[in-house]
């Protein structure tokens, strides 16, 4: 009996993170393009590579090679956890045809309580 495992190809992903306090960080790592955006950013955040406190608002853009411009993922500033399920598929669709996928995360001040 032959068993076929459906594997999603991994791709090198560049995440550029800059914040209002002047911190700029660039990270390259491998991810499955089927991973959710929240999963990718939370993974980087958890290992201390990205300075995104849970109460800070983020705006995320993806560089799109076809139209040669950045495309906004979330149209308003949100916390990382607020991205959640709503953007699960966006990473795949945004990055699947890109030769050098890149996400740009801008971190703003804390969310209004």
PDB file of N, CA and C in Angstrom:
ATOM      1  N   UNK A   1       0.844  -1.190   0.000  1.00  0.00           N
ATOM      2  CA  UNK A   1       0.000   0.000   0.000  1.00  0.00           C
ATOM      3  C   UNK A   1       0.888   1.251   0.000  1.00  0.00           C
ATOM      4  N   UNK A   2       0.662   2.084  -0.979  1.00  0.00           N
ATOM      5  CA  UNK A   2       1.488   3.275  -1.095  1.00  0.00           C
ATOM      6  C   UNK A   2       0.800   4.454  -0.409  1.00  0.00           C
ATOM      7  N   UNK A   3       1.597   5.147   0.372  1.00  0.00           N
ATOM      8  CA  UNK A   3       1.040   6.281   1.106  1.00  0.00           C
ATOM      9  C   UNK A   3       1.664   7.555   0.552  1.00  0.00           C
ATOM     10  N   UNK A   4       0.834   8.471   0.148  1.00  0.00           N
ATOM     11  CA  UNK A   4       1.387   9.727  -0.357  1.00  0.00           C
ATOM     12  C   UNK A   4       1.131  10.824   0.665  1.00  0.00           C
ATOM     13  N   UNK A   5       2.191  11.491   1.000  1.00  0.00           N
ATOM     14  CA  UNK A   5       2.074  12.602   1.947  1.00  0.00           C
ATOM     15  C   UNK A   5       2.043  13.896   1.147  1.00  0.00           C
ATOM     16  N   UNK A   6       1.025  14.652   1.372  1.00  0.00           N
ATOM     17  CA  UNK A   6       0.897  15.935   0.693  1.00  0.00           C
ATOM     18  C   UNK A   6       1.730  16.950   1.470  1.00  0.00           C
ATOM     19  N   UNK A   7       2.811  17.406   0.884  1.00  0.00           N
ATOM     20  CA  UNK A   7       3.659  18.362   1.579  1.00  0.00           C
ATOM     21  C   UNK A   7       3.569  19.725   0.908  1.00  0.00           C
ATOM     22  N   UNK A   8       3.458  20.738   1.728  1.00  0.00           N
ATOM     23  CA  UNK A   8       3.441  22.095   1.206  1.00  0.00           C
ATOM     24  C   UNK A   8       4.883  22.553   1.085  1.00  0.00           C
ATOM     25  N   UNK A   9       5.259  23.115  -0.052  1.00  0.00           N
ATOM     26  CA  UNK A   9       6.650  23.547  -0.199  1.00  0.00           C
ATOM     27  C   UNK A   9       6.988  24.677   0.771  1.00  0.00           C
ATOM     28  N   UNK A  10       8.210  24.642   1.276  1.00  0.00           N
ATOM     29  CA  UNK A  10       8.640  25.742   2.133  1.00  0.00           C
ATOM     30  C   UNK A  10       9.291  26.794   1.253  1.00  0.00           C
ATOM     31  N   UNK A  11       9.257  28.013   1.722  1.00  0.00           N
ATOM     32  CA  UNK A  11       9.855  29.104   0.975  1.00  0.00           C
ATOM     33  C   UNK A  11      10.588  30.010   1.948  1.00  0.00           C
ATOM     34  N   UNK A  12      11.664  30.634   1.470  1.00  0.00           N
ATOM     35  CA  UNK A  12      12.373  31.570   2.333  1.00  0.00           C
ATOM     36  C   UNK A  12      11.560  32.857   2.402  1.00  0.00           C
ATOM     37  N   UNK A  13      11.304  33.283   3.598  1.00  0.00           N
ATOM     38  CA  UNK A  13      10.476  34.458   3.824  1.00  0.00           C
ATOM     39  C   UNK A  13      11.299  35.513   4.548  1.00  0.00           C
ATOM     40  N   UNK A  14      11.291  36.727   4.025  1.00  0.00           N
ATOM     41  CA  UNK A  14      11.961  37.839   4.691  1.00  0.00           C
ATOM     42  C   UNK A  14      10.905  38.654   5.418  1.00  0.00           C
ATOM     43  N   UNK A  15      11.140  38.907   6.696  1.00  0.00           N
ATOM     44  CA  UNK A  15      10.247  39.770   7.466  1.00  0.00           C
ATOM     45  C   UNK A  15      11.041  41.001   7.879  1.00  0.00           C
ATOM     46  N   UNK A  16      10.577  42.170   7.451  1.00  0.00           N
ATOM     47  CA  UNK A  16      11.202  43.429   7.821  1.00  0.00           C
ATOM     48  C   UNK A  16      10.290  44.085   8.841  1.00  0.00           C
ATOM     49  N   UNK A  17      10.823  44.351  10.013  1.00  0.00           N
ATOM     50  CA  UNK A  17      10.017  44.938  11.089  1.00  0.00           C
ATOM     51  C   UNK A  17      10.629  46.271  11.489  1.00  0.00           C
ATOM     52  N   UNK A  18       9.833  47.331  11.451  1.00  0.00           N
ATOM     53  CA  UNK A  18      10.315  48.614  11.944  1.00  0.00           C
ATOM     54  C   UNK A  18       9.260  49.217  12.849  1.00  0.00           C
ATOM     55  N   UNK A  19       9.729  49.992  13.807  1.00  0.00           N
ATOM     56  CA  UNK A  19       8.796  50.536  14.787  1.00  0.00           C
ATOM     57  C   UNK A  19       8.991  52.035  14.940  1.00  0.00           C
ATOM     58  N   UNK A  20       8.001  52.650  15.558  1.00  0.00           N
ATOM     59  CA  UNK A  20       8.030  54.099  15.762  1.00  0.00           C
ATOM     60  C   UNK A  20       9.225  54.546  16.597  1.00  0.00           C
ATOM     61  N   UNK A  21       9.769  53.622  17.425  1.00  0.00           N
ATOM     62  CA  UNK A  21      10.910  54.011  18.261  1.00  0.00           C
ATOM     63  C   UNK A  21      12.247  53.835  17.529  1.00  0.00           C
ATOM     64  N   UNK A  22      12.186  53.574  16.227  1.00  0.00           N
ATOM     65  CA  UNK A  22      13.410  53.535  15.427  1.00  0.00           C
ATOM     66  C   UNK A  22      14.068  52.175  15.274  1.00  0.00           C
ATOM     67  N   UNK A  23      13.499  51.129  15.861  1.00  0.00           N
ATOM     68  CA  UNK A  23      14.069  49.790  15.718  1.00  0.00           C
ATOM     69  C   UNK A  23      13.771  49.243  14.332  1.00  0.00           C
ATOM     70  N   UNK A  24      14.792  48.734  13.667  1.00  0.00           N
ATOM     71  CA  UNK A  24      14.610  48.089  12.365  1.00  0.00           C
ATOM     72  C   UNK A  24      15.266  46.721  12.409  1.00  0.00           C
ATOM     73  N   UNK A  25      14.509  45.683  12.099  1.00  0.00           N
ATOM     74  CA  UNK A  25      15.008  44.315  12.164  1.00  0.00           C
ATOM     75  C   UNK A  25      14.602  43.594  10.887  1.00  0.00           C
ATOM     76  N   UNK A  26      15.530  42.849  10.309  1.00  0.00           N
ATOM     77  CA  UNK A  26      15.217  42.012   9.147  1.00  0.00           C
ATOM     78  C   UNK A  26      15.549  40.570   9.491  1.00  0.00           C
ATOM     79  N   UNK A  27      14.616  39.674   9.247  1.00  0.00           N
ATOM     80  CA  UNK A  27      14.778  38.256   9.562  1.00  0.00           C
ATOM     81  C   UNK A  27      14.468  37.453   8.307  1.00  0.00           C
ATOM     82  N   UNK A  28      15.262  36.421   8.081  1.00  0.00           N
ATOM     83  CA  UNK A  28      14.950  35.478   6.998  1.00  0.00           C
ATOM     84  C   UNK A  28      14.781  34.106   7.617  1.00  0.00           C
ATOM     85  N   UNK A  29      13.729  33.417   7.225  1.00  0.00           N
ATOM     86  CA  UNK A  29      13.491  32.076   7.734  1.00  0.00           C
ATOM     87  C   UNK A  29      12.636  31.319   6.730  1.00  0.00           C
ATOM     88  N   UNK A  30      12.528  30.017   6.940  1.00  0.00           N
ATOM     89  CA  UNK A  30      11.723  29.193   6.030  1.00  0.00           C
ATOM     90  C   UNK A  30      10.375  28.880   6.650  1.00  0.00           C
ATOM     91  N   UNK A  31       9.330  29.042   5.853  1.00  0.00           N
ATOM     92  CA  UNK A  31       7.978  28.736   6.292  1.00  0.00           C
ATOM     93  C   UNK A  31       7.226  28.058   5.169  1.00  0.00           C
ATOM     94  N   UNK A  32       6.182  27.335   5.540  1.00  0.00           N
ATOM     95  CA  UNK A  32       5.248  26.829   4.535  1.00  0.00           C
ATOM     96  C   UNK A  32       4.367  27.993   4.125  1.00  0.00           C
ATOM     97  N   UNK A  33       4.101  28.107   2.839  1.00  0.00           N
ATOM     98  CA  UNK A  33       3.257  29.226   2.416  1.00  0.00           C
ATOM     99  C   UNK A  33       1.803  29.014   2.810  1.00  0.00           C
ATOM    100  N   UNK A  34       1.498  27.842   3.352  1.00  0.00           N
ATOM    101  CA  UNK A  34       0.135  27.630   3.840  1.00  0.00           C
ATOM    102  C   UNK A  34      -0.010  28.054   5.301  1.00  0.00           C
ATOM    103  N   UNK A  35       1.111  28.400   5.954  1.00  0.00           N
ATOM    104  CA  UNK A  35       1.039  28.879   7.339  1.00  0.00           C
ATOM    105  C   UNK A  35       0.282  30.200   7.377  1.00  0.00           C
ATOM    106  N   UNK A  36      -0.394  30.442   8.469  1.00  0.00           N
ATOM    107  CA  UNK A  36      -1.094  31.718   8.583  1.00  0.00           C
ATOM    108  C   UNK A  36      -0.097  32.818   8.935  1.00  0.00           C
ATOM    109  N   UNK A  37      -0.457  34.027   8.576  1.00  0.00           N
ATOM    110  CA  UNK A  37       0.379  35.181   8.869  1.00  0.00           C
ATOM    111  C   UNK A  37       0.587  35.319  10.370  1.00  0.00           C
ATOM    112  N   UNK A  38      -0.463  35.108  11.130  1.00  0.00           N
ATOM    113  CA  UNK A  38      -0.359  35.201  12.586  1.00  0.00           C
ATOM    114  C   UNK A  38       0.646  34.176  13.101  1.00  0.00           C
ATOM    115  N   UNK A  39       0.627  32.963  12.552  1.00  0.00           N
ATOM    116  CA  UNK A  39       1.553  31.911  12.985  1.00  0.00           C
ATOM    117  C   UNK A  39       3.000  32.324  12.724  1.00  0.00           C
ATOM    118  N   UNK A  40       3.262  32.850  11.543  1.00  0.00           N
ATOM    119  CA  UNK A  40       4.619  33.265  11.185  1.00  0.00           C
ATOM    120  C   UNK A  40       5.122  34.345  12.141  1.00  0.00           C
ATOM    121  N   UNK A  41       4.322  35.392  12.318  1.00  0.00           N
ATOM    122  CA  UNK A  41       4.761  36.512  13.152  1.00  0.00           C
ATOM    123  C   UNK A  41       4.833  36.128  14.623  1.00  0.00           C
ATOM    124  N   UNK A  42       3.900  35.308  15.085  1.00  0.00           N
ATOM    125  CA  UNK A  42       3.918  34.870  16.482  1.00  0.00           C
ATOM    126  C   UNK A  42       5.135  34.001  16.748  1.00  0.00           C
ATOM    127  N   UNK A  43       5.502  33.163  15.778  1.00  0.00           N
ATOM    128  CA  UNK A  43       6.694  32.321  15.931  1.00  0.00           C
ATOM    129  C   UNK A  43       7.935  33.182  16.083  1.00  0.00           C
ATOM    130  N   UNK A  44       8.102  34.170  15.213  1.00  0.00           N
ATOM    131  CA  UNK A  44       9.245  35.079  15.314  1.00  0.00           C
ATOM    132  C   UNK A  44       9.222  35.828  16.641  1.00  0.00           C
ATOM    133  N   UNK A  45       8.043  36.264  17.037  1.00  0.00           N
ATOM    134  CA  UNK A  45       7.891  37.037  18.262  1.00  0.00           C
ATOM    135  C   UNK A  45       8.251  36.197  19.485  1.00  0.00           C
ATOM    136  N   UNK A  46       7.800  34.941  19.493  1.00  0.00           N
ATOM    137  CA  UNK A  46       8.008  34.059  20.639  1.00  0.00           C
ATOM    138  C   UNK A  46       9.490  33.780  20.879  1.00  0.00           C
ATOM    139  N   UNK A  47      10.264  33.638  19.811  1.00  0.00           N
ATOM    140  CA  UNK A  47      11.687  33.361  19.986  1.00  0.00           C
ATOM    141  C   UNK A  47      12.496  34.653  20.150  1.00  0.00           C
ATOM    142  N   UNK A  48      11.800  35.757  20.302  1.00  0.00           N
ATOM    143  CA  UNK A  48      12.468  37.018  20.610  1.00  0.00           C
ATOM    144  C   UNK A  48      13.110  37.705  19.418  1.00  0.00           C
ATOM    145  N   UNK A  49      12.748  37.279  18.218  1.00  0.00           N
ATOM    146  CA  UNK A  49      13.360  37.889  17.036  1.00  0.00           C
ATOM    147  C   UNK A  49      12.632  39.154  16.600  1.00  0.00           C
ATOM    148  N   UNK A  50      11.349  39.248  16.912  1.00  0.00           N
ATOM    149  CA  UNK A  50      10.582  40.440  16.555  1.00  0.00           C
ATOM    150  C   UNK A  50      10.083  41.128  17.818  1.00  0.00           C
ATOM    151  N   UNK A  51      10.280  42.422  17.920  1.00  0.00           N
ATOM    152  CA  UNK A  51       9.807  43.153  19.102  1.00  0.00           C
ATOM    153  C   UNK A  51       8.367  43.624  18.924  1.00  0.00           C
ATOM    154  N   UNK A  52       7.426  42.686  18.990  1.00  0.00           N
ATOM    155  CA  UNK A  52       6.021  43.081  18.835  1.00  0.00           C
ATOM    156  C   UNK A  52       5.276  42.751  20.124  1.00  0.00           C
ATOM    157  N   UNK A  53       5.236  43.679  21.080  1.00  0.00           N
ATOM    158  CA  UNK A  53       4.476  43.430  22.308  1.00  0.00           C
ATOM    159  C   UNK A  53       3.000  43.214  21.977  1.00  0.00           C
ATOM    160  N   UNK A  54       2.309  42.392  22.768  1.00  0.00           N
ATOM    161  CA  UNK A  54       0.922  42.044  22.457  1.00  0.00           C
ATOM    162  C   UNK A  54      -0.033  43.233  22.415  1.00  0.00           C
ATOM    163  N   UNK A  55       0.317  44.324  23.103  1.00  0.00           N
ATOM    164  CA  UNK A  55      -0.593  45.472  23.121  1.00  0.00           C
ATOM    165  C   UNK A  55      -0.296  46.480  22.010  1.00  0.00           C
ATOM    166  N   UNK A  56       0.746  46.232  21.222  1.00  0.00           N
ATOM    167  CA  UNK A  56       1.110  47.182  20.160  1.00  0.00           C
ATOM    168  C   UNK A  56       0.307  46.905  18.890  1.00  0.00           C
ATOM    169  N   UNK A  57       0.028  47.966  18.163  1.00  0.00           N
ATOM    170  CA  UNK A  57      -0.700  47.852  16.899  1.00  0.00           C
ATOM    171  C   UNK A  57       0.289  47.654  15.753  1.00  0.00           C
ATOM    172  N   UNK A  58      -0.080  46.817  14.801  1.00  0.00           N
ATOM    173  CA  UNK A  58       0.797  46.589  13.655  1.00  0.00           C
ATOM    174  C   UNK A  58       0.043  46.837  12.350  1.00  0.00           C
ATOM    175  N   UNK A  59       0.794  47.247  11.348  1.00  0.00           N
ATOM    176  CA  UNK A  59       0.280  47.361   9.987  1.00  0.00           C
ATOM    177  C   UNK A  59       1.207  46.512   9.128  1.00  0.00           C
ATOM    178  N   UNK A  60       0.653  45.615   8.344  1.00  0.00           N
ATOM    179  CA  UNK A  60       1.459  44.636   7.625  1.00  0.00           C
ATOM    180  C   UNK A  60       1.272  44.794   6.128  1.00  0.00           C
ATOM    181  N   UNK A  61       2.386  44.819   5.413  1.00  0.00           N
ATOM    182  CA  UNK A  61       2.353  44.928   3.956  1.00  0.00           C
ATOM    183  C   UNK A  61       3.162  43.786   3.361  1.00  0.00           C
ATOM    184  N   UNK A  62       2.793  43.379   2.171  1.00  0.00           N
ATOM    185  CA  UNK A  62       3.526  42.351   1.446  1.00  0.00           C
ATOM    186  C   UNK A  62       3.988  42.956   0.132  1.00  0.00           C
ATOM    187  N   UNK A  63       5.276  42.773  -0.179  1.00  0.00           N
ATOM    188  CA  UNK A  63       5.773  43.255  -1.465  1.00  0.00           C
ATOM    189  C   UNK A  63       5.268  42.331  -2.556  1.00  0.00           C
ATOM    190  N   UNK A  64       4.620  42.907  -3.556  1.00  0.00           N
ATOM    191  CA  UNK A  64       4.092  42.121  -4.661  1.00  0.00           C
ATOM    192  C   UNK A  64       4.909  42.430  -5.910  1.00  0.00           C
ATOM    193  N   UNK A  65       5.590  41.408  -6.430  1.00  0.00           N
ATOM    194  CA  UNK A  65       6.478  41.618  -7.577  1.00  0.00           C
ATOM    195  C   UNK A  65       5.713  41.914  -8.862  1.00  0.00           C
ATOM    196  N   UNK A  66       4.494  41.391  -8.975  1.00  0.00           N
ATOM    197  CA  UNK A  66       3.737  41.571 -10.215  1.00  0.00           C
ATOM    198  C   UNK A  66       3.360  43.028 -10.441  1.00  0.00           C
ATOM    199  N   UNK A  67       2.833  43.675  -9.396  1.00  0.00           N
ATOM    200  CA  UNK A  67       2.430  45.072  -9.571  1.00  0.00           C
ATOM    201  C   UNK A  67       3.494  46.035  -9.042  1.00  0.00           C
ATOM    202  N   UNK A  68       4.631  45.482  -8.588  1.00  0.00           N
ATOM    203  CA  UNK A  68       5.774  46.286  -8.146  1.00  0.00           C
ATOM    204  C   UNK A  68       5.422  47.293  -7.049  1.00  0.00           C
ATOM    205  N   UNK A  69       4.568  46.888  -6.146  1.00  0.00           N
ATOM    206  CA  UNK A  69       4.254  47.777  -5.026  1.00  0.00           C
ATOM    207  C   UNK A  69       3.906  46.940  -3.807  1.00  0.00           C
ATOM    208  N   UNK A  70       3.790  47.611  -2.680  1.00  0.00           N
ATOM    209  CA  UNK A  70       3.410  46.909  -1.458  1.00  0.00           C
ATOM    210  C   UNK A  70       1.895  46.869  -1.338  1.00  0.00           C
ATOM    211  N   UNK A  71       1.392  45.740  -0.914  1.00  0.00           N
ATOM    212  CA  UNK A  71      -0.040  45.563  -0.736  1.00  0.00           C
ATOM    213  C   UNK A  71      -0.310  45.429   0.754  1.00  0.00           C
ATOM    214  N   UNK A  72      -1.259  46.220   1.256  1.00  0.00           N
ATOM    215  CA  UNK A  72      -1.590  46.149   2.684  1.00  0.00           C
ATOM    216  C   UNK A  72      -2.357  44.871   2.980  1.00  0.00           C
ATOM    217  N   UNK A  73      -1.967  44.194   4.032  1.00  0.00           N
ATOM    218  CA  UNK A  73      -2.666  42.983   4.460  1.00  0.00           C
ATOM    219  C   UNK A  73      -3.856  43.366   5.339  1.00  0.00           C
ATOM    220  N   UNK A  74      -3.593  44.142   6.363  1.00  0.00           N
ATOM    221  CA  UNK A  74      -4.703  44.623   7.191  1.00  0.00           C
ATOM    222  C   UNK A  74      -4.897  46.106   6.879  1.00  0.00           C
ATOM    223  N   UNK A  75      -6.131  46.492   6.630  1.00  0.00           N
ATOM    224  CA  UNK A  75      -6.384  47.868   6.211  1.00  0.00           C
ATOM    225  C   UNK A  75      -6.428  48.845   7.376  1.00  0.00           C
ATOM    226  N   UNK A  76      -6.336  48.326   8.578  1.00  0.00           N
ATOM    227  CA  UNK A  76      -6.239  49.206   9.744  1.00  0.00           C
ATOM    228  C   UNK A  76      -5.265  48.588  10.734  1.00  0.00           C
ATOM    229  N   UNK A  77      -4.718  49.422  11.592  1.00  0.00           N
ATOM    230  CA  UNK A  77      -3.762  48.924  12.584  1.00  0.00           C
ATOM    231  C   UNK A  77      -4.462  47.993  13.562  1.00  0.00           C
ATOM    232  N   UNK A  78      -3.849  46.836  13.809  1.00  0.00           N
ATOM    233  CA  UNK A  78      -4.422  45.843  14.713  1.00  0.00           C
ATOM    234  C   UNK A  78      -3.323  45.258  15.583  1.00  0.00           C
ATOM    235  N   UNK A  79      -3.723  44.646  16.694  1.00  0.00           N
ATOM    236  CA  UNK A  79      -2.750  43.891  17.474  1.00  0.00           C
ATOM    237  C   UNK A  79      -2.511  42.569  16.756  1.00  0.00           C
ATOM    238  N   UNK A  80      -1.415  41.913  17.106  1.00  0.00           N
ATOM    239  CA  UNK A  80      -1.060  40.657  16.454  1.00  0.00           C
ATOM    240  C   UNK A  80      -2.147  39.605  16.625  1.00  0.00           C
ATOM    241  N   UNK A  81      -2.697  39.510  17.831  1.00  0.00           N
ATOM    242  CA  UNK A  81      -3.726  38.490  18.062  1.00  0.00           C
ATOM    243  C   UNK A  81      -5.025  38.825  17.328  1.00  0.00           C
ATOM    244  N   UNK A  82      -5.278  40.106  17.092  1.00  0.00           N
ATOM    245  CA  UNK A  82      -6.493  40.495  16.370  1.00  0.00           C
ATOM    246  C   UNK A  82      -6.420  40.098  14.892  1.00  0.00           C
ATOM    247  N   UNK A  83      -5.198  39.923  14.377  1.00  0.00           N
ATOM    248  CA  UNK A  83      -5.062  39.452  12.993  1.00  0.00           C
ATOM    249  C   UNK A  83      -5.716  38.092  12.853  1.00  0.00           C
ATOM    250  N   UNK A  84      -5.343  37.208  13.777  1.00  0.00           N
ATOM    251  CA  UNK A  84      -5.936  35.895  13.913  1.00  0.00           C
ATOM    252  C   UNK A  84      -6.438  35.226  12.662  1.00  0.00           C
ATOM    253  N   UNK A  85      -7.606  34.669  12.787  1.00  0.00           N
ATOM    254  CA  UNK A  85      -8.176  33.809  11.756  1.00  0.00           C
ATOM    255  C   UNK A  85      -8.521  34.586  10.497  1.00  0.00           C
ATOM    256  N   UNK A  86      -8.784  35.866  10.648  1.00  0.00           N
ATOM    257  CA  UNK A  86      -9.256  36.646   9.518  1.00  0.00           C
ATOM    258  C   UNK A  86      -8.225  36.718   8.382  1.00  0.00           C
ATOM    259  N   UNK A  87      -6.944  36.571   8.706  1.00  0.00           N
ATOM    260  CA  UNK A  87      -5.923  36.667   7.664  1.00  0.00           C
ATOM    261  C   UNK A  87      -5.217  35.338   7.424  1.00  0.00           C
ATOM    262  N   UNK A  88      -5.848  34.236   7.797  1.00  0.00           N
ATOM    263  CA  UNK A  88      -5.192  32.925   7.716  1.00  0.00           C
ATOM    264  C   UNK A  88      -4.706  32.594   6.304  1.00  0.00           C
ATOM    265  N   UNK A  89      -5.513  32.893   5.303  1.00  0.00           N
ATOM    266  CA  UNK A  89      -5.158  32.493   3.940  1.00  0.00           C
ATOM    267  C   UNK A  89      -4.317  33.528   3.208  1.00  0.00           C
ATOM    268  N   UNK A  90      -4.213  34.702   3.751  1.00  0.00           N
ATOM    269  CA  UNK A  90      -3.589  35.787   2.995  1.00  0.00           C
ATOM    270  C   UNK A  90      -2.117  35.532   2.708  1.00  0.00           C
ATOM    271  N   UNK A  91      -1.400  34.946   3.652  1.00  0.00           N
ATOM    272  CA  UNK A  91       0.020  34.700   3.432  1.00  0.00           C
ATOM    273  C   UNK A  91       0.218  33.837   2.193  1.00  0.00           C
ATOM    274  N   UNK A  92      -0.588  32.793   2.080  1.00  0.00           N
ATOM    275  CA  UNK A  92      -0.478  31.896   0.924  1.00  0.00           C
ATOM    276  C   UNK A  92      -0.733  32.645  -0.377  1.00  0.00           C
ATOM    277  N   UNK A  93      -1.825  33.375  -0.436  1.00  0.00           N
ATOM    278  CA  UNK A  93      -2.174  34.060  -1.676  1.00  0.00           C
ATOM    279  C   UNK A  93      -1.201  35.188  -1.999  1.00  0.00           C
ATOM    280  N   UNK A  94      -0.685  35.827  -0.974  1.00  0.00           N
ATOM    281  CA  UNK A  94       0.228  36.944  -1.201  1.00  0.00           C
ATOM    282  C   UNK A  94       1.608  36.472  -1.641  1.00  0.00           C
ATOM    283  N   UNK A  95       2.016  35.295  -1.168  1.00  0.00           N
ATOM    284  CA  UNK A  95       3.397  34.872  -1.389  1.00  0.00           C
ATOM    285  C   UNK A  95       3.573  33.758  -2.407  1.00  0.00           C
ATOM    286  N   UNK A  96       2.497  33.131  -2.839  1.00  0.00           N
ATOM    287  CA  UNK A  96       2.655  31.893  -3.619  1.00  0.00           C
ATOM    288  C   UNK A  96       3.358  32.088  -4.953  1.00  0.00           C
ATOM    289  N   UNK A  97       3.246  33.231  -5.583  1.00  0.00           N
ATOM    290  CA  UNK A  97       3.894  33.430  -6.887  1.00  0.00           C
ATOM    291  C   UNK A  97       5.119  34.336  -6.811  1.00  0.00           C
ATOM    292  N   UNK A  98       5.592  34.605  -5.624  1.00  0.00           N
ATOM    293  CA  UNK A  98       6.706  35.532  -5.461  1.00  0.00           C
ATOM    294  C   UNK A  98       8.031  34.772  -5.435  1.00  0.00           C
ATOM    295  N   UNK A  99       9.040  35.318  -6.097  1.00  0.00           N
ATOM    296  CA  UNK A  99      10.346  34.659  -6.066  1.00  0.00           C
ATOM    297  C   UNK A  99      11.115  35.022  -4.794  1.00  0.00           C
ATOM    298  N   UNK A 100      10.892  36.221  -4.262  1.00  0.00           N
ATOM    299  CA  UNK A 100      11.549  36.633  -3.015  1.00  0.00           C
ATOM    300  C   UNK A 100      10.496  37.228  -2.076  1.00  0.00           C
ATOM    301  N   UNK A 101       9.687  36.368  -1.450  1.00  0.00           N
ATOM    302  CA  UNK A 101       8.599  36.885  -0.618  1.00  0.00           C
ATOM    303  C   UNK A 101       9.103  37.712   0.565  1.00  0.00           C
ATOM    304  N   UNK A 102       8.439  38.824   0.783  1.00  0.00           N
ATOM    305  CA  UNK A 102       8.839  39.708   1.877  1.00  0.00           C
ATOM    306  C   UNK A 102       7.602  40.310   2.527  1.00  0.00           C
ATOM    307  N   UNK A 103       7.607  40.305   3.846  1.00  0.00           N
ATOM    308  CA  UNK A 103       6.535  40.928   4.621  1.00  0.00           C
ATOM    309  C   UNK A 103       7.137  42.116   5.351  1.00  0.00           C
ATOM    310  N   UNK A 104       6.445  43.235   5.336  1.00  0.00           N
ATOM    311  CA  UNK A 104       6.903  44.414   6.052  1.00  0.00           C
ATOM    312  C   UNK A 104       5.924  44.691   7.185  1.00  0.00           C
ATOM    313  N   UNK A 105       6.431  44.680   8.410  1.00  0.00           N
ATOM    314  CA  UNK A 105       5.594  44.905   9.592  1.00  0.00           C
ATOM    315  C   UNK A 105       6.003  46.228  10.221  1.00  0.00           C
ATOM    316  N   UNK A 106       5.059  47.141  10.363  1.00  0.00           N
ATOM    317  CA  UNK A 106       5.355  48.384  11.083  1.00  0.00           C
ATOM    318  C   UNK A 106       4.627  48.342  12.421  1.00  0.00           C
ATOM    319  N   UNK A 107       5.393  48.534  13.487  1.00  0.00           N
ATOM    320  CA  UNK A 107       4.834  48.473  14.840  1.00  0.00           C
ATOM    321  C   UNK A 107       4.592  49.895  15.335  1.00  0.00           C
ATOM    322  N   UNK A 108       3.360  50.153  15.742  1.00  0.00           N
ATOM    323  CA  UNK A 108       2.980  51.473  16.244  1.00  0.00           C
ATOM    324  C   UNK A 108       2.852  51.430  17.763  1.00  0.00           C
ATOM    325  N   UNK A 109       2.313  52.478  18.329  1.00  0.00           N
ATOM    326  CA  UNK A 109       2.131  52.545  19.778  1.00  0.00           C
ATOM    327  C   UNK A 109       1.083  51.562  20.271  1.00  0.00           C
ATOM    328  N   UNK A 110       0.880  51.536  21.587  1.00  0.00           N
ATOM    329  CA  UNK A 110      -0.086  50.594  22.160  1.00  0.00           C
ATOM    330  C   UNK A 110      -1.517  50.883  21.725  1.00  0.00           C
ATOM    331  N   UNK A 111      -2.321  49.836  21.723  1.00  0.00           N
ATOM    332  CA  UNK A 111      -3.740  49.969  21.392  1.00  0.00           C
ATOM    333  C   UNK A 111      -4.436  50.788  22.468  1.00  0.00           C
ATOM    334  N   UNK A 112      -5.445  51.530  22.053  1.00  0.00           N
ATOM    335  CA  UNK A 112      -6.243  52.296  23.018  1.00  0.00           C
ATOM    336  C   UNK A 112      -7.040  51.320  23.868  1.00  0.00           C
ATOM    337  N   UNK A 113      -7.014  51.520  25.172  1.00  0.00           N
ATOM    338  CA  UNK A 113      -7.770  50.572  26.018  1.00  0.00           C
ATOM    339  C   UNK A 113      -9.136  51.108  26.357  1.00  0.00           C
TER     340      UNK A 113
END
